[in-house]
Amino acid sequence: QVQLVESGGGLVQPGGSLRLSCATAGFPFTLYAMNWYRQAPGKQRELVGTITSGLTTTYADSVKGRFTISRDNAKKTVGLRMNSLKPEDTAVYYCNVNRYNHDYWGQGTQVAVST
């Protein structure tokens, strides 16, 4: 069965940095694009970015230039490096993969950007 487990969230000050990680299991990791989503309180879930099996990355306009997605095929993990964090980045961050037209989600990790 597909398993996704996020880690690395926490409380940081505006302008700070944080690195999230998503550990995966239960599917051929190297063949799939991986996604990061986030959901802020009272808002819809939004796509933060994607990394394809060929290592091509795409990002939401709101995080371009600040966030970087990576993947380690040997460890079967996907990372999200977040720099220059803003209060509006506060959200629960989720790892996602779509397999056979079904979305799989991790439990989420909380990121709070505040003074």
PDB file of N, CA and C in Angstrom:
ATOM      1  N   GLN A   1       0.822  -1.183   0.000  1.00  0.00           N
ATOM      2  CA  GLN A   1       0.000   0.000   0.000  1.00  0.00           C
ATOM      3  C   GLN A   1       0.870   1.252   0.000  1.00  0.00           C
ATOM      4  N   VAL A   2       0.355   2.299  -0.627  1.00  0.00           N
ATOM      5  CA  VAL A   2       1.080   3.552  -0.712  1.00  0.00           C
ATOM      6  C   VAL A   2       1.123   4.226   0.651  1.00  0.00           C
ATOM      7  N   GLN A   3       2.320   4.655   1.046  1.00  0.00           N
ATOM      8  CA  GLN A   3       2.489   5.395   2.290  1.00  0.00           C
ATOM      9  C   GLN A   3       3.344   6.626   2.045  1.00  0.00           C
ATOM     10  N   LEU A   4       2.886   7.755   2.575  1.00  0.00           N
ATOM     11  CA  LEU A   4       3.599   9.017   2.492  1.00  0.00           C
ATOM     12  C   LEU A   4       3.649   9.620   3.891  1.00  0.00           C
ATOM     13  N   VAL A   5       4.838   9.974   4.351  1.00  0.00           N
ATOM     14  CA  VAL A   5       4.999  10.513   5.695  1.00  0.00           C
ATOM     15  C   VAL A   5       5.843  11.775   5.639  1.00  0.00           C
ATOM     16  N   GLU A   6       5.219  12.913   5.953  1.00  0.00           N
ATOM     17  CA  GLU A   6       5.920  14.192   5.962  1.00  0.00           C
ATOM     18  C   GLU A   6       6.574  14.436   7.316  1.00  0.00           C
ATOM     19  N   SER A   7       7.656  15.187   7.297  1.00  0.00           N
ATOM     20  CA  SER A   7       8.323  15.589   8.526  1.00  0.00           C
ATOM     21  C   SER A   7       9.060  16.901   8.292  1.00  0.00           C
ATOM     22  N   GLY A   8       9.449  17.557   9.373  1.00  0.00           N
ATOM     23  CA  GLY A   8      10.268  18.748   9.286  1.00  0.00           C
ATOM     24  C   GLY A   8       9.572  20.059   9.570  1.00  0.00           C
ATOM     25  N   GLY A   9       8.275  20.028   9.799  1.00  0.00           N
ATOM     26  CA  GLY A   9       7.549  21.256  10.073  1.00  0.00           C
ATOM     27  C   GLY A   9       7.905  21.843  11.431  1.00  0.00           C
ATOM     28  N   GLY A  10       7.473  23.076  11.637  1.00  0.00           N
ATOM     29  CA  GLY A  10       7.748  23.741  12.896  1.00  0.00           C
ATOM     30  C   GLY A  10       7.432  25.213  12.834  1.00  0.00           C
ATOM     31  N   LEU A  11       7.833  25.926  13.878  1.00  0.00           N
ATOM     32  CA  LEU A  11       7.629  27.368  13.986  1.00  0.00           C
ATOM     33  C   LEU A  11       8.908  28.096  13.606  1.00  0.00           C
ATOM     34  N   VAL A  12       8.795  29.025  12.662  1.00  0.00           N
ATOM     35  CA  VAL A  12       9.942  29.824  12.234  1.00  0.00           C
ATOM     36  C   VAL A  12       9.548  31.282  12.127  1.00  0.00           C
ATOM     37  N   GLN A  13      10.535  32.166  12.216  1.00  0.00           N
ATOM     38  CA  GLN A  13      10.303  33.590  12.076  1.00  0.00           C
ATOM     39  C   GLN A  13      10.253  33.987  10.605  1.00  0.00           C
ATOM     40  N   PRO A  14       9.545  35.063  10.283  1.00  0.00           N
ATOM     41  CA  PRO A  14       9.562  35.553   8.902  1.00  0.00           C
ATOM     42  C   PRO A  14      10.992  35.764   8.421  1.00  0.00           C
ATOM     43  N   GLY A  15      11.257  35.350   7.189  1.00  0.00           N
ATOM     44  CA  GLY A  15      12.594  35.424   6.637  1.00  0.00           C
ATOM     45  C   GLY A  15      13.435  34.194   6.890  1.00  0.00           C
ATOM     46  N   GLY A  16      12.951  33.304   7.718  1.00  0.00           N
ATOM     47  CA  GLY A  16      13.676  32.096   8.042  1.00  0.00           C
ATOM     48  C   GLY A  16      13.520  31.015   6.998  1.00  0.00           C
ATOM     49  N   SER A  17      14.152  29.872   7.264  1.00  0.00           N
ATOM     50  CA  SER A  17      14.139  28.744   6.341  1.00  0.00           C
ATOM     51  C   SER A  17      13.732  27.471   7.055  1.00  0.00           C
ATOM     52  N   LEU A  18      13.216  26.548   6.282  1.00  0.00           N
ATOM     53  CA  LEU A  18      12.790  25.264   6.805  1.00  0.00           C
ATOM     54  C   LEU A  18      12.868  24.246   5.679  1.00  0.00           C
ATOM     55  N   ARG A  19      13.192  23.012   6.028  1.00  0.00           N
ATOM     56  CA  ARG A  19      13.234  21.949   5.032  1.00  0.00           C
ATOM     57  C   ARG A  19      12.312  20.818   5.441  1.00  0.00           C
ATOM     58  N   LEU A  20      11.382  20.493   4.572  1.00  0.00           N
ATOM     59  CA  LEU A  20      10.462  19.397   4.787  1.00  0.00           C
ATOM     60  C   LEU A  20      10.923  18.173   4.009  1.00  0.00           C
ATOM     61  N   SER A  21      10.523  17.012   4.486  1.00  0.00           N
ATOM     62  CA  SER A  21      10.848  15.778   3.803  1.00  0.00           C
ATOM     63  C   SER A  21       9.626  14.874   3.780  1.00  0.00           C
ATOM     64  N   CYS A  22       9.501  14.109   2.722  1.00  0.00           N
ATOM     65  CA  CYS A  22       8.415  13.147   2.578  1.00  0.00           C
ATOM     66  C   CYS A  22       9.023  11.786   2.289  1.00  0.00           C
ATOM     67  N   ALA A  23       8.830  10.852   3.200  1.00  0.00           N
ATOM     68  CA  ALA A  23       9.275   9.478   3.007  1.00  0.00           C
ATOM     69  C   ALA A  23       8.155   8.683   2.354  1.00  0.00           C
ATOM     70  N   THR A  24       8.497   7.859   1.372  1.00  0.00           N
ATOM     71  CA  THR A  24       7.481   7.124   0.617  1.00  0.00           C
ATOM     72  C   THR A  24       7.735   5.628   0.634  1.00  0.00           C
ATOM     73  N   ALA A  25       6.673   4.882   0.388  1.00  0.00           N
ATOM     74  CA  ALA A  25       6.760   3.434   0.280  1.00  0.00           C
ATOM     75  C   ALA A  25       5.524   2.908  -0.433  1.00  0.00           C
ATOM     76  N   GLY A  26       5.629   1.720  -1.000  1.00  0.00           N
ATOM     77  CA  GLY A  26       4.471   1.044  -1.547  1.00  0.00           C
ATOM     78  C   GLY A  26       4.196   1.267  -3.021  1.00  0.00           C
ATOM     79  N   PHE A  27       5.091   1.953  -3.714  1.00  0.00           N
ATOM     80  CA  PHE A  27       4.932   2.166  -5.150  1.00  0.00           C
ATOM     81  C   PHE A  27       6.299   2.418  -5.768  1.00  0.00           C
ATOM     82  N   PRO A  28       6.416   2.246  -7.092  1.00  0.00           N
ATOM     83  CA  PRO A  28       7.719   2.458  -7.763  1.00  0.00           C
ATOM     84  C   PRO A  28       8.036   3.948  -7.856  1.00  0.00           C
ATOM     85  N   PHE A  29       8.681   4.449  -6.826  1.00  0.00           N
ATOM     86  CA  PHE A  29       8.909   5.875  -6.631  1.00  0.00           C
ATOM     87  C   PHE A  29       9.512   6.571  -7.844  1.00  0.00           C
ATOM     88  N   THR A  30      10.503   5.959  -8.466  1.00  0.00           N
ATOM     89  CA  THR A  30      11.231   6.603  -9.555  1.00  0.00           C
ATOM     90  C   THR A  30      10.369   6.897 -10.774  1.00  0.00           C
ATOM     91  N   LEU A  31       9.244   6.228 -10.913  1.00  0.00           N
ATOM     92  CA  LEU A  31       8.401   6.374 -12.090  1.00  0.00           C
ATOM     93  C   LEU A  31       7.365   7.489 -11.972  1.00  0.00           C
ATOM     94  N   TYR A  32       7.226   8.079 -10.803  1.00  0.00           N
ATOM     95  CA  TYR A  32       6.122   8.999 -10.551  1.00  0.00           C
ATOM     96  C   TYR A  32       6.546  10.417 -10.253  1.00  0.00           C
ATOM     97  N   ALA A  33       5.732  11.344 -10.735  1.00  0.00           N
ATOM     98  CA  ALA A  33       5.860  12.731 -10.315  1.00  0.00           C
ATOM     99  C   ALA A  33       5.349  12.858  -8.879  1.00  0.00           C
ATOM    100  N   MET A  34       5.998  13.699  -8.095  1.00  0.00           N
ATOM    101  CA  MET A  34       5.607  13.935  -6.716  1.00  0.00           C
ATOM    102  C   MET A  34       5.211  15.395  -6.540  1.00  0.00           C
ATOM    103  N   ASN A  35       4.238  15.622  -5.679  1.00  0.00           N
ATOM    104  CA  ASN A  35       3.704  16.962  -5.480  1.00  0.00           C
ATOM    105  C   ASN A  35       3.750  17.366  -4.010  1.00  0.00           C
ATOM    106  N   TRP A  36       3.898  18.668  -3.784  1.00  0.00           N
ATOM    107  CA  TRP A  36       3.682  19.264  -2.474  1.00  0.00           C
ATOM    108  C   TRP A  36       2.470  20.183  -2.554  1.00  0.00           C
ATOM    109  N   TYR A  37       1.563  20.009  -1.617  1.00  0.00           N
ATOM    110  CA  TYR A  37       0.407  20.876  -1.456  1.00  0.00           C
ATOM    111  C   TYR A  37       0.460  21.517  -0.077  1.00  0.00           C
ATOM    112  N   ARG A  38      -0.330  22.561   0.092  1.00  0.00           N
ATOM    113  CA  ARG A  38      -0.480  23.145   1.417  1.00  0.00           C
ATOM    114  C   ARG A  38      -1.905  23.642   1.597  1.00  0.00           C
ATOM    115  N   GLN A  39      -2.329  23.696   2.845  1.00  0.00           N
ATOM    116  CA  GLN A  39      -3.656  24.199   3.170  1.00  0.00           C
ATOM    117  C   GLN A  39      -3.578  25.079   4.408  1.00  0.00           C
ATOM    118  N   ALA A  40      -3.900  26.342   4.225  1.00  0.00           N
ATOM    119  CA  ALA A  40      -3.936  27.289   5.322  1.00  0.00           C
ATOM    120  C   ALA A  40      -5.320  27.271   5.962  1.00  0.00           C
ATOM    121  N   PRO A  41      -5.425  27.690   7.225  1.00  0.00           N
ATOM    122  CA  PRO A  41      -6.726  27.710   7.901  1.00  0.00           C
ATOM    123  C   PRO A  41      -7.761  28.517   7.122  1.00  0.00           C
ATOM    124  N   GLY A  42      -8.926  27.927   6.885  1.00  0.00           N
ATOM    125  CA  GLY A  42      -9.999  28.602   6.191  1.00  0.00           C
ATOM    126  C   GLY A  42      -9.821  28.742   4.694  1.00  0.00           C
ATOM    127  N   LYS A  43      -8.788  28.130   4.131  1.00  0.00           N
ATOM    128  CA  LYS A  43      -8.532  28.232   2.707  1.00  0.00           C
ATOM    129  C   LYS A  43      -8.523  26.859   2.046  1.00  0.00           C
ATOM    130  N   GLN A  44      -8.654  26.865   0.724  1.00  0.00           N
ATOM    131  CA  GLN A  44      -8.593  25.629  -0.034  1.00  0.00           C
ATOM    132  C   GLN A  44      -7.156  25.122  -0.119  1.00  0.00           C
ATOM    133  N   ARG A  45      -7.025  23.836  -0.315  1.00  0.00           N
ATOM    134  CA  ARG A  45      -5.716  23.256  -0.532  1.00  0.00           C
ATOM    135  C   ARG A  45      -5.168  23.729  -1.876  1.00  0.00           C
ATOM    136  N   GLU A  46      -3.898  24.108  -1.898  1.00  0.00           N
ATOM    137  CA  GLU A  46      -3.295  24.588  -3.126  1.00  0.00           C
ATOM    138  C   GLU A  46      -2.017  23.825  -3.443  1.00  0.00           C
ATOM    139  N   LEU A  47      -1.751  23.699  -4.723  1.00  0.00           N
ATOM    140  CA  LEU A  47      -0.538  23.034  -5.184  1.00  0.00           C
ATOM    141  C   LEU A  47       0.646  23.978  -5.022  1.00  0.00           C
ATOM    142  N   VAL A  48       1.648  23.535  -4.280  1.00  0.00           N
ATOM    143  CA  VAL A  48       2.859  24.316  -4.081  1.00  0.00           C
ATOM    144  C   VAL A  48       3.844  24.090  -5.220  1.00  0.00           C
ATOM    145  N   GLY A  49       4.026  22.839  -5.592  1.00  0.00           N
ATOM    146  CA  GLY A  49       4.942  22.517  -6.670  1.00  0.00           C
ATOM    147  C   GLY A  49       4.988  21.042  -6.964  1.00  0.00           C
ATOM    148  N   THR A  50       5.679  20.712  -8.049  1.00  0.00           N
ATOM    149  CA  THR A  50       5.768  19.354  -8.555  1.00  0.00           C
ATOM    150  C   THR A  50       7.189  19.054  -8.992  1.00  0.00           C
ATOM    151  N   ILE A  51       7.604  17.821  -8.814  1.00  0.00           N
ATOM    152  CA  ILE A  51       8.849  17.349  -9.417  1.00  0.00           C
ATOM    153  C   ILE A  51       8.540  16.068 -10.167  1.00  0.00           C
ATOM    154  N   THR A  52       8.897  16.020 -11.447  1.00  0.00           N
ATOM    155  CA  THR A  52       8.602  14.871 -12.283  1.00  0.00           C
ATOM    156  C   THR A  52       9.645  13.782 -12.105  1.00  0.00           C
ATOM    157  N   SER A  53       9.390  12.637 -12.732  1.00  0.00           N
ATOM    158  CA  SER A  53      10.355  11.546 -12.698  1.00  0.00           C
ATOM    159  C   SER A  53      11.664  11.936 -13.378  1.00  0.00           C
ATOM    160  N   GLY A  54      11.598  12.888 -14.307  1.00  0.00           N
ATOM    161  CA  GLY A  54      12.778  13.384 -14.994  1.00  0.00           C
ATOM    162  C   GLY A  54      13.427  14.576 -14.320  1.00  0.00           C
ATOM    163  N   LEU A  55      12.976  14.919 -13.115  1.00  0.00           N
ATOM    164  CA  LEU A  55      13.536  15.972 -12.261  1.00  0.00           C
ATOM    165  C   LEU A  55      13.154  17.386 -12.696  1.00  0.00           C
ATOM    166  N   THR A  56      12.170  17.502 -13.575  1.00  0.00           N
ATOM    167  CA  THR A  56      11.647  18.817 -13.911  1.00  0.00           C
ATOM    168  C   THR A  56      10.771  19.323 -12.772  1.00  0.00           C
ATOM    169  N   THR A  57      10.949  20.579 -12.381  1.00  0.00           N
ATOM    170  CA  THR A  57      10.173  21.154 -11.296  1.00  0.00           C
ATOM    171  C   THR A  57       9.306  22.297 -11.774  1.00  0.00           C
ATOM    172  N   THR A  58       8.150  22.443 -11.151  1.00  0.00           N
ATOM    173  CA  THR A  58       7.263  23.573 -11.368  1.00  0.00           C
ATOM    174  C   THR A  58       6.781  24.063 -10.014  1.00  0.00           C
ATOM    175  N   TYR A  59       6.467  25.360  -9.934  1.00  0.00           N
ATOM    176  CA  TYR A  59       6.088  25.968  -8.671  1.00  0.00           C
ATOM    177  C   TYR A  59       4.934  26.936  -8.840  1.00  0.00           C
ATOM    178  N   ALA A  60       4.178  27.088  -7.782  1.00  0.00           N
ATOM    179  CA  ALA A  60       3.180  28.139  -7.747  1.00  0.00           C
ATOM    180  C   ALA A  60       3.875  29.490  -7.759  1.00  0.00           C
ATOM    181  N   ASP A  61       3.229  30.481  -8.367  1.00  0.00           N
ATOM    182  CA  ASP A  61       3.826  31.810  -8.444  1.00  0.00           C
ATOM    183  C   ASP A  61       4.181  32.364  -7.062  1.00  0.00           C
ATOM    184  N   SER A  62       3.390  32.021  -6.069  1.00  0.00           N
ATOM    185  CA  SER A  62       3.578  32.555  -4.732  1.00  0.00           C
ATOM    186  C   SER A  62       4.867  32.085  -4.057  1.00  0.00           C
ATOM    187  N   VAL A  63       5.462  30.998  -4.562  1.00  0.00           N
ATOM    188  CA  VAL A  63       6.659  30.461  -3.923  1.00  0.00           C
ATOM    189  C   VAL A  63       7.868  30.426  -4.848  1.00  0.00           C
ATOM    190  N   LYS A  64       7.706  30.803  -6.101  1.00  0.00           N
ATOM    191  CA  LYS A  64       8.814  30.785  -7.050  1.00  0.00           C
ATOM    192  C   LYS A  64       9.980  31.633  -6.555  1.00  0.00           C
ATOM    193  N   GLY A  65      11.165  31.068  -6.645  1.00  0.00           N
ATOM    194  CA  GLY A  65      12.359  31.761  -6.203  1.00  0.00           C
ATOM    195  C   GLY A  65      12.666  31.578  -4.742  1.00  0.00           C
ATOM    196  N   ARG A  66      11.722  31.049  -3.974  1.00  0.00           N
ATOM    197  CA  ARG A  66      11.912  30.855  -2.540  1.00  0.00           C
ATOM    198  C   ARG A  66      11.933  29.380  -2.140  1.00  0.00           C
ATOM    199  N   PHE A  67      11.131  28.573  -2.818  1.00  0.00           N
ATOM    200  CA  PHE A  67      11.024  27.151  -2.494  1.00  0.00           C
ATOM    201  C   PHE A  67      11.721  26.316  -3.560  1.00  0.00           C
ATOM    202  N   THR A  68      12.275  25.186  -3.140  1.00  0.00           N
ATOM    203  CA  THR A  68      12.930  24.266  -4.056  1.00  0.00           C
ATOM    204  C   THR A  68      12.524  22.837  -3.731  1.00  0.00           C
ATOM    205  N   ILE A  69      12.034  22.129  -4.729  1.00  0.00           N
ATOM    206  CA  ILE A  69      11.671  20.719  -4.574  1.00  0.00           C
ATOM    207  C   ILE A  69      12.808  19.849  -5.097  1.00  0.00           C
ATOM    208  N   SER A  70      13.092  18.773  -4.385  1.00  0.00           N
ATOM    209  CA  SER A  70      14.109  17.824  -4.804  1.00  0.00           C
ATOM    210  C   SER A  70      13.617  16.408  -4.545  1.00  0.00           C
ATOM    211  N   ARG A  71      14.314  15.445  -5.112  1.00  0.00           N
ATOM    212  CA  ARG A  71      13.984  14.052  -4.814  1.00  0.00           C
ATOM    213  C   ARG A  71      15.253  13.225  -4.771  1.00  0.00           C
ATOM    214  N   ASP A  72      15.221  12.201  -3.936  1.00  0.00           N
ATOM    215  CA  ASP A  72      16.316  11.271  -3.791  1.00  0.00           C
ATOM    216  C   ASP A  72      15.757   9.895  -4.098  1.00  0.00           C
ATOM    217  N   ASN A  73      16.040   9.404  -5.301  1.00  0.00           N
ATOM    218  CA  ASN A  73      15.459   8.135  -5.727  1.00  0.00           C
ATOM    219  C   ASN A  73      15.999   6.937  -4.944  1.00  0.00           C
ATOM    220  N   ALA A  74      17.222   7.040  -4.444  1.00  0.00           N
ATOM    221  CA  ALA A  74      17.789   5.959  -3.648  1.00  0.00           C
ATOM    222  C   ALA A  74      17.080   5.832  -2.306  1.00  0.00           C
ATOM    223  N   LYS A  75      16.766   6.982  -1.689  1.00  0.00           N
ATOM    224  CA  LYS A  75      16.091   6.983  -0.399  1.00  0.00           C
ATOM    225  C   LYS A  75      14.572   7.011  -0.527  1.00  0.00           C
ATOM    226  N   LYS A  76      14.081   7.222  -1.743  1.00  0.00           N
ATOM    227  CA  LYS A  76      12.644   7.321  -1.999  1.00  0.00           C
ATOM    228  C   LYS A  76      12.007   8.438  -1.186  1.00  0.00           C
ATOM    229  N   THR A  77      12.646   9.582  -1.206  1.00  0.00           N
ATOM    230  CA  THR A  77      12.131  10.742  -0.500  1.00  0.00           C
ATOM    231  C   THR A  77      12.037  11.938  -1.432  1.00  0.00           C
ATOM    232  N   VAL A  78      11.158  12.852  -1.084  1.00  0.00           N
ATOM    233  CA  VAL A  78      11.038  14.117  -1.785  1.00  0.00           C
ATOM    234  C   VAL A  78      11.152  15.230  -0.754  1.00  0.00           C
ATOM    235  N   GLY A  79      11.915  16.266  -1.091  1.00  0.00           N
ATOM    236  CA  GLY A  79      12.143  17.350  -0.166  1.00  0.00           C
ATOM    237  C   GLY A  79      11.525  18.648  -0.634  1.00  0.00           C
ATOM    238  N   LEU A  80      11.308  19.538   0.315  1.00  0.00           N
ATOM    239  CA  LEU A  80      10.843  20.893   0.019  1.00  0.00           C
ATOM    240  C   LEU A  80      11.652  21.852   0.871  1.00  0.00           C
ATOM    241  N   ARG A  81      12.566  22.568   0.239  1.00  0.00           N
ATOM    242  CA  ARG A  81      13.372  23.569   0.917  1.00  0.00           C
ATOM    243  C   ARG A  81      12.665  24.910   0.798  1.00  0.00           C
ATOM    244  N   MET A  82      12.379  25.528   1.922  1.00  0.00           N
ATOM    245  CA  MET A  82      11.644  26.777   1.957  1.00  0.00           C
ATOM    246  C   MET A  82      12.532  27.871   2.537  1.00  0.00           C
ATOM    247  N   ASN A  83      12.789  28.883   1.742  1.00  0.00           N
ATOM    248  CA  ASN A  83      13.583  30.028   2.168  1.00  0.00           C
ATOM    249  C   ASN A  83      12.735  31.290   2.189  1.00  0.00           C
ATOM    250  N   SER A  84      13.236  32.307   2.859  1.00  0.00           N
ATOM    251  CA  SER A  84      12.566  33.611   2.921  1.00  0.00           C
ATOM    252  C   SER A  84      11.091  33.463   3.257  1.00  0.00           C
ATOM    253  N   LEU A  85      10.811  32.716   4.293  1.00  0.00           N
ATOM    254  CA  LEU A  85       9.430  32.401   4.647  1.00  0.00           C
ATOM    255  C   LEU A  85       8.643  33.633   5.068  1.00  0.00           C
ATOM    256  N   LYS A  86       7.380  33.632   4.680  1.00  0.00           N
ATOM    257  CA  LYS A  86       6.453  34.713   4.972  1.00  0.00           C
ATOM    258  C   LYS A  86       5.300  34.189   5.817  1.00  0.00           C
ATOM    259  N   PRO A  87       4.634  35.065   6.565  1.00  0.00           N
ATOM    260  CA  PRO A  87       3.481  34.613   7.353  1.00  0.00           C
ATOM    261  C   PRO A  87       2.426  33.901   6.515  1.00  0.00           C
ATOM    262  N   GLU A  88       2.244  34.314   5.270  1.00  0.00           N
ATOM    263  CA  GLU A  88       1.259  33.674   4.407  1.00  0.00           C
ATOM    264  C   GLU A  88       1.649  32.268   3.968  1.00  0.00           C
ATOM    265  N   ASP A  89       2.869  31.838   4.286  1.00  0.00           N
ATOM    266  CA  ASP A  89       3.272  30.461   4.039  1.00  0.00           C
ATOM    267  C   ASP A  89       2.776  29.519   5.131  1.00  0.00           C
ATOM    268  N   THR A  90       2.222  30.074   6.191  1.00  0.00           N
ATOM    269  CA  THR A  90       1.697  29.253   7.280  1.00  0.00           C
ATOM    270  C   THR A  90       0.597  28.336   6.765  1.00  0.00           C
ATOM    271  N   ALA A  91       0.772  27.039   6.964  1.00  0.00           N
ATOM    272  CA  ALA A  91      -0.174  26.051   6.459  1.00  0.00           C
ATOM    273  C   ALA A  91       0.266  24.668   6.903  1.00  0.00           C
ATOM    274  N   VAL A  92      -0.615  23.708   6.693  1.00  0.00           N
ATOM    275  CA  VAL A  92      -0.233  22.314   6.788  1.00  0.00           C
ATOM    276  C   VAL A  92       0.237  21.886   5.405  1.00  0.00           C
ATOM    277  N   TYR A  93       1.423  21.323   5.335  1.00  0.00           N
ATOM    278  CA  TYR A  93       2.013  20.919   4.069  1.00  0.00           C
ATOM    279  C   TYR A  93       1.877  19.415   3.881  1.00  0.00           C
ATOM    280  N   TYR A  94       1.434  19.033   2.678  1.00  0.00           N
ATOM    281  CA  TYR A  94       1.149  17.645   2.369  1.00  0.00           C
ATOM    282  C   TYR A  94       1.954  17.154   1.175  1.00  0.00           C
ATOM    283  N   CYS A  95       2.431  15.950   1.268  1.00  0.00           N
ATOM    284  CA  CYS A  95       3.050  15.240   0.160  1.00  0.00           C
ATOM    285  C   CYS A  95       1.963  14.478  -0.586  1.00  0.00           C
ATOM    286  N   ASN A  96       2.065  14.418  -1.904  1.00  0.00           N
ATOM    287  CA  ASN A  96       1.016  13.805  -2.711  1.00  0.00           C
ATOM    288  C   ASN A  96       1.596  13.076  -3.913  1.00  0.00           C
ATOM    289  N   VAL A  97       0.971  11.961  -4.260  1.00  0.00           N
ATOM    290  CA  VAL A  97       1.264  11.269  -5.510  1.00  0.00           C
ATOM    291  C   VAL A  97      -0.047  10.784  -6.109  1.00  0.00           C
ATOM    292  N   ASN A  98      -0.168  10.886  -7.424  1.00  0.00           N
ATOM    293  CA  ASN A  98      -1.339  10.360  -8.113  1.00  0.00           C
ATOM    294  C   ASN A  98      -0.936   9.093  -8.843  1.00  0.00           C
ATOM    295  N   ARG A  99      -1.584   8.004  -8.494  1.00  0.00           N
ATOM    296  CA  ARG A  99      -1.294   6.713  -9.085  1.00  0.00           C
ATOM    297  C   ARG A  99      -2.580   6.044  -9.505  1.00  0.00           C
ATOM    298  N   TYR A 100      -2.652   5.641 -10.764  1.00  0.00           N
ATOM    299  CA  TYR A 100      -3.857   5.026 -11.318  1.00  0.00           C
ATOM    300  C   TYR A 100      -5.089   5.891 -11.055  1.00  0.00           C
ATOM    301  N   ASN A 101      -4.932   7.178 -11.286  1.00  0.00           N
ATOM    302  CA  ASN A 101      -5.991   8.165 -11.121  1.00  0.00           C
ATOM    303  C   ASN A 101      -6.524   8.290  -9.696  1.00  0.00           C
ATOM    304  N   HIS A 102      -5.722   7.921  -8.720  1.00  0.00           N
ATOM    305  CA  HIS A 102      -6.090   8.063  -7.325  1.00  0.00           C
ATOM    306  C   HIS A 102      -5.029   8.875  -6.590  1.00  0.00           C
ATOM    307  N   ASP A 103      -5.479   9.862  -5.843  1.00  0.00           N
ATOM    308  CA  ASP A 103      -4.582  10.699  -5.057  1.00  0.00           C
ATOM    309  C   ASP A 103      -4.285  10.072  -3.704  1.00  0.00           C
ATOM    310  N   TYR A 104      -3.002  10.032  -3.372  1.00  0.00           N
ATOM    311  CA  TYR A 104      -2.560   9.564  -2.066  1.00  0.00           C
ATOM    312  C   TYR A 104      -1.920  10.724  -1.327  1.00  0.00           C
ATOM    313  N   TRP A 105      -2.192  10.798  -0.018  1.00  0.00           N
ATOM    314  CA  TRP A 105      -1.744  11.918   0.797  1.00  0.00           C
ATOM    315  C   TRP A 105      -1.036  11.447   2.054  1.00  0.00           C
ATOM    316  N   GLY A 106      -0.076  12.226   2.500  1.00  0.00           N
ATOM    317  CA  GLY A 106       0.507  12.002   3.801  1.00  0.00           C
ATOM    318  C   GLY A 106      -0.367  12.615   4.876  1.00  0.00           C
ATOM    319  N   GLN A 107       0.087  12.534   6.117  1.00  0.00           N
ATOM    320  CA  GLN A 107      -0.692  13.061   7.241  1.00  0.00           C
ATOM    321  C   GLN A 107      -0.564  14.572   7.375  1.00  0.00           C
ATOM    322  N   GLY A 108       0.434  15.145   6.726  1.00  0.00           N
ATOM    323  CA  GLY A 108       0.670  16.572   6.779  1.00  0.00           C
ATOM    324  C   GLY A 108       1.627  16.962   7.890  1.00  0.00           C
ATOM    325  N   THR A 109       2.329  18.068   7.684  1.00  0.00           N
ATOM    326  CA  THR A 109       3.200  18.626   8.715  1.00  0.00           C
ATOM    327  C   THR A 109       2.962  20.130   8.794  1.00  0.00           C
ATOM    328  N   GLN A 110       2.834  20.636  10.010  1.00  0.00           N
ATOM    329  CA  GLN A 110       2.471  22.028  10.241  1.00  0.00           C
ATOM    330  C   GLN A 110       3.676  22.950  10.115  1.00  0.00           C
ATOM    331  N   VAL A 111       3.510  23.998   9.332  1.00  0.00           N
ATOM    332  CA  VAL A 111       4.506  25.061   9.223  1.00  0.00           C
ATOM    333  C   VAL A 111       3.854  26.361   9.679  1.00  0.00           C
ATOM    334  N   ALA A 112       4.435  26.990  10.677  1.00  0.00           N
ATOM    335  CA  ALA A 112       3.930  28.263  11.184  1.00  0.00           C
ATOM    336  C   ALA A 112       5.024  29.308  11.067  1.00  0.00           C
ATOM    337  N   VAL A 113       4.729  30.396  10.377  1.00  0.00           N
ATOM    338  CA  VAL A 113       5.680  31.491  10.194  1.00  0.00           C
ATOM    339  C   VAL A 113       5.131  32.694  10.944  1.00  0.00           C
ATOM    340  N   SER A 114       5.771  33.024  12.051  1.00  0.00           N
ATOM    341  CA  SER A 114       5.232  34.057  12.926  1.00  0.00           C
ATOM    342  C   SER A 114       6.302  34.595  13.849  1.00  0.00           C
ATOM    343  N   THR A 115       6.105  35.833  14.284  1.00  0.00           N
ATOM    344  CA  THR A 115       6.933  36.423  15.328  1.00  0.00           C
ATOM    345  C   THR A 115       6.323  36.154  16.690  1.00  0.00           C
TER     346      THR A 115
END
